Amino acid sequence: KDIRIQEERERKAQLRGPLKINRDEAAIKIQKLWRGFYQRKEVVEMRAQELVFLGMVPTPKPQSQKHSVIGQSKKTQEKRRLTQQQYGKEYQEALVSVKEKLAETE
């Protein structure tokens, strides 16, 4: 259906020839299309929320933590903690070995 409408618009546009509009009119048309698109998107989201609220649609299940942003941040935090522990141990060992070498040279 949409394809047919689009093809019909294209045929009509070819018959009319190139459009002659100024920058202000073009900007107004772009704003008009964008506002319409954005408003339709909001209406779809509001309808979905209302259906969930009324109990007509089950609540959407949260994404698994493996792929969610929160899951990724927890994974990164754990990795950093392990790396810090490893570097802390290496630092303490190096500190002991430096003190031993210093004691041997004195």
Protein backbone atom coordinates (compact mmCIF):
# COMPACT_ATOMS: atom_id res chain seq x y z
CA LYS A 1 0.00 0.00 0.00
CA ASP A 2 2.73 2.45 0.99
CA ILE A 3 4.80 1.52 -2.05
CA ARG A 4 1.86 2.23 -4.34
CA ILE A 5 1.28 5.62 -2.72
CA GLN A 6 4.98 6.48 -3.01
CA GLU A 7 5.05 5.51 -6.69
CA GLU A 8 1.97 7.64 -7.34
CA ARG A 9 3.62 10.62 -5.63
CA GLU A 10 6.75 10.15 -7.73
CA ARG A 11 4.71 10.06 -10.97
CA LYS A 12 2.86 13.23 -10.01
CA ALA A 13 6.13 14.93 -9.11
CA GLN A 14 7.61 14.06 -12.50
CA LEU A 15 4.58 15.53 -14.27
CA ARG A 16 4.78 18.79 -12.29
CA GLY A 17 8.51 19.24 -12.83
CA PRO A 18 11.04 20.53 -10.32
CA LEU A 19 9.69 22.41 -7.31
CA LYS A 20 10.73 26.00 -6.71
CA ILE A 21 10.63 26.87 -3.04
CA ASN A 22 12.80 29.16 -1.00
CA ARG A 23 14.85 28.22 2.05
CA ASP A 24 12.24 29.37 4.56
CA GLU A 25 9.52 27.24 3.00
CA ALA A 26 11.89 24.26 2.85
CA ALA A 27 12.82 24.70 6.51
CA ILE A 28 9.14 24.91 7.47
CA LYS A 29 8.38 21.70 5.58
CA ILE A 30 11.28 19.87 7.21
CA GLN A 31 10.20 21.03 10.67
CA LYS A 32 6.63 20.03 9.93
CA LEU A 33 7.64 16.53 8.82
CA TRP A 34 9.98 16.07 11.79
CA ARG A 35 7.38 17.20 14.32
CA GLY A 36 4.82 14.85 12.79
CA PHE A 37 7.25 11.93 12.87
CA TYR A 38 8.25 12.66 16.46
CA GLN A 39 4.63 13.04 17.60
CA ARG A 40 3.60 9.75 15.95
CA LYS A 41 6.52 8.02 17.66
CA GLU A 42 5.45 9.41 21.06
CA VAL A 43 1.84 8.31 20.49
CA VAL A 44 2.96 4.75 19.74
CA GLU A 45 5.03 4.67 22.95
CA MET A 46 2.17 6.13 24.99
CA ARG A 47 -0.25 3.53 23.60
CA ALA A 48 2.13 0.73 24.50
CA GLN A 49 2.49 2.09 28.05
CA GLU A 50 -1.27 2.43 28.41
CA LEU A 51 -1.86 -1.15 27.25
CA VAL A 52 0.67 -2.39 29.80
CA PHE A 53 -0.99 -0.26 32.49
CA LEU A 54 -4.43 -1.65 31.66
CA GLY A 55 -3.07 -5.18 31.71
CA MET A 56 -3.92 -5.87 28.08
CA VAL A 57 -0.30 -6.56 27.21
CA PRO A 58 2.26 -8.26 29.46
CA THR A 59 5.01 -6.07 30.82
CA PRO A 60 8.12 -6.13 28.68
CA LYS A 61 10.82 -8.37 30.08
CA PRO A 62 14.08 -6.64 30.94
CA GLN A 63 17.04 -7.42 28.75
CA SER A 64 19.46 -9.98 30.04
CA GLN A 65 22.26 -8.40 32.01
CA LYS A 66 24.76 -9.97 29.68
CA HIS A 67 23.85 -7.52 26.92
CA SER A 68 22.53 -4.56 28.91
CA VAL A 69 24.54 -1.47 29.74
CA ILE A 70 24.30 -2.20 33.44
CA GLY A 71 25.57 -5.73 32.92
CA GLN A 72 28.47 -4.48 30.84
CA SER A 73 29.40 -1.90 33.46
CA LYS A 74 29.32 -4.53 36.23
CA LYS A 75 31.50 -6.81 34.12
CA THR A 76 33.99 -3.98 33.49
CA GLN A 77 34.00 -3.05 37.18
CA GLU A 78 34.78 -6.64 38.19
CA LYS A 79 37.57 -6.84 35.61
CA ARG A 80 39.10 -3.60 36.94
CA ARG A 81 38.91 -4.85 40.52
CA LEU A 82 40.74 -8.06 39.64
CA THR A 83 43.38 -6.14 37.69
CA GLN A 84 43.89 -3.75 40.63
CA GLN A 85 44.32 -6.69 43.01
CA GLN A 86 46.86 -8.28 40.71
CA TYR A 87 48.85 -5.05 40.36
CA GLY A 88 48.62 -4.50 44.14
CA LYS A 89 50.17 -7.91 44.79
CA GLU A 90 52.92 -7.27 42.24
CA TYR A 91 53.61 -3.90 43.87
CA GLN A 92 53.88 -5.39 47.36
CA GLU A 93 56.23 -8.13 46.09
CA ALA A 94 58.38 -5.57 44.28
CA LEU A 95 58.47 -3.40 47.40
CA VAL A 96 59.68 -6.35 49.52
CA SER A 97 62.33 -7.29 46.95
CA VAL A 98 63.58 -3.69 46.73
CA LYS A 99 63.85 -3.51 50.55
CA GLU A 100 65.76 -6.81 50.60
CA LYS A 101 68.19 -5.61 47.93
CA LEU A 102 68.65 -2.36 49.80
CA ALA A 103 69.38 -4.26 53.02
CA GLU A 104 71.91 -6.48 51.20
CA THR A 105 73.80 -3.51 49.77
CA GLU A 106 74.08 -1.78 53.14
